[in-house]
């Protein structure tokens, strides 16, 4: 049975380790979403015809299209509009908080690229 004194009480504040672990989770989930979206856009681009009114696409145009798709995927992941990272964070939050001492020490590349 639930203790009535704890009902409606605000949760305990997060420790520094828990905050760092959640920041690592957020970064990793956002990077995962970016990679997923890059793969999705790459697969979509393969279905588009490479012929245009000017002839076949050149290697440089294909490279440019790939870089554009990567940038679009990164922008979508950073905006959170797709929602995959948010779902991952919600599902993994309790596990990460339960093992915050270990998770806070995980190395997550925080570079600009996803």
Protein backbone atom coordinates (compact mmCIF):
# COMPACT_ATOMS: atom_id res chain seq x y z
CA UNK A 1 0.00 0.00 0.00
CA UNK A 2 1.19 3.55 -0.76
CA UNK A 3 2.14 5.81 2.13
CA UNK A 4 -0.33 8.72 1.99
CA UNK A 5 2.36 11.20 3.03
CA UNK A 6 4.28 10.63 -0.22
CA UNK A 7 1.29 11.08 -2.55
CA UNK A 8 1.58 14.33 -4.45
CA UNK A 9 4.99 15.11 -3.01
CA UNK A 10 7.56 16.45 -5.42
CA UNK A 11 10.28 13.97 -6.35
CA UNK A 12 13.73 14.26 -4.83
CA UNK A 13 16.08 16.51 -6.78
CA UNK A 14 18.51 14.78 -9.11
CA UNK A 15 22.11 14.35 -8.05
CA UNK A 16 24.96 15.69 -10.18
CA UNK A 17 25.69 12.14 -11.39
CA UNK A 18 22.06 11.61 -12.38
CA UNK A 19 21.99 14.93 -14.26
CA UNK A 20 25.17 14.00 -16.14
CA UNK A 21 23.79 10.53 -16.91
CA UNK A 22 20.59 12.06 -18.30
CA UNK A 23 22.61 14.53 -20.40
CA UNK A 24 24.59 11.58 -21.81
CA UNK A 25 21.34 9.77 -22.54
CA UNK A 26 19.96 12.81 -24.35
CA UNK A 27 23.09 13.17 -26.48
CA UNK A 28 23.21 9.48 -27.35
CA UNK A 29 19.50 9.33 -28.20
CA UNK A 30 19.76 12.42 -30.41
CA UNK A 31 22.78 10.98 -32.22
CA UNK A 32 20.95 7.68 -32.72
CA UNK A 33 17.98 9.53 -34.20
CA UNK A 34 20.32 11.41 -36.53
CA UNK A 35 21.94 8.21 -37.77
CA UNK A 36 18.52 6.60 -38.26
CA UNK A 37 17.27 9.60 -40.24
CA UNK A 38 20.45 9.63 -42.37
CA UNK A 39 19.87 5.97 -43.24
CA UNK A 40 16.20 6.66 -43.96
CA UNK A 41 16.98 9.59 -46.25
CA UNK A 42 19.72 7.61 -48.01
CA UNK A 43 17.26 4.82 -48.74
CA UNK A 44 14.70 7.35 -49.98
CA UNK A 45 17.27 8.99 -52.28
CA UNK A 46 18.06 5.63 -53.88
CA UNK A 47 14.48 5.47 -55.19
CA UNK A 48 14.81 8.78 -57.08
CA UNK A 49 15.80 8.62 -60.73
CA UNK A 50 19.32 9.85 -61.44
CA UNK A 51 18.32 11.17 -64.86
CA UNK A 52 17.27 14.76 -65.33
CA UNK A 53 16.66 17.04 -68.30
CA UNK A 54 20.40 17.73 -68.27
CA UNK A 55 21.41 14.05 -68.37
CA UNK A 56 22.64 11.74 -65.64
CA UNK A 57 23.74 13.15 -62.29
CA UNK A 58 27.47 13.63 -61.98
CA UNK A 59 29.53 12.22 -59.10
CA UNK A 60 29.85 15.71 -57.63
CA UNK A 61 26.08 16.26 -57.71
CA UNK A 62 25.54 12.89 -56.07
CA UNK A 63 28.05 13.82 -53.35
CA UNK A 64 26.32 17.17 -52.84
CA UNK A 65 22.92 15.48 -52.56
CA UNK A 66 24.34 13.08 -49.96
CA UNK A 67 25.76 15.92 -47.89
CA UNK A 68 22.48 17.82 -48.14
CA UNK A 69 20.56 14.76 -46.94
CA UNK A 70 22.97 14.36 -44.02
CA UNK A 71 22.51 17.99 -42.98
CA UNK A 72 18.73 17.68 -43.24
CA UNK A 73 18.80 14.54 -41.09
CA UNK A 74 20.95 16.28 -38.46
CA UNK A 75 18.64 19.31 -38.40
CA UNK A 76 15.59 17.06 -38.00
CA UNK A 77 17.24 15.14 -35.15
CA UNK A 78 18.30 18.32 -33.33
CA UNK A 79 14.81 19.81 -33.66
CA UNK A 80 13.21 16.75 -32.04
CA UNK A 81 10.34 16.89 -34.53
CA UNK A 82 10.65 13.21 -35.45
CA UNK A 83 10.41 12.16 -31.78
CA UNK A 84 12.53 9.01 -31.80
CA UNK A 85 15.12 10.40 -29.37
CA UNK A 86 12.38 11.53 -26.98
CA UNK A 87 10.83 8.06 -26.97
CA UNK A 88 14.22 6.44 -26.32
CA UNK A 89 14.88 8.84 -23.45
CA UNK A 90 11.50 8.10 -21.86
CA UNK A 91 12.03 4.35 -22.12
CA UNK A 92 15.60 4.37 -20.82
CA UNK A 93 15.33 7.09 -18.16
CA UNK A 94 14.67 4.80 -15.19
CA UNK A 95 17.48 2.41 -16.18
CA UNK A 96 19.95 5.27 -16.57
CA UNK A 97 18.95 6.86 -13.26
CA UNK A 98 19.20 3.49 -11.53
CA UNK A 99 22.82 3.13 -12.64
CA UNK A 100 23.77 6.82 -12.70
CA UNK A 101 27.21 6.29 -11.16
CA UNK A 102 28.27 4.20 -14.16
CA UNK A 103 26.24 6.03 -16.83
CA UNK A 104 27.56 9.46 -15.83
CA UNK A 105 31.08 8.30 -16.69
CA UNK A 106 30.15 7.12 -20.20
CA UNK A 107 31.93 8.97 -22.98
CA UNK A 108 29.55 10.54 -25.50
CA UNK A 109 31.06 12.53 -28.36
CA UNK A 110 29.44 15.95 -28.09
CA UNK A 111 30.71 17.23 -31.44
CA UNK A 112 28.49 19.14 -33.84
CA UNK A 113 28.00 16.14 -36.09
CA UNK A 114 25.43 13.53 -35.28
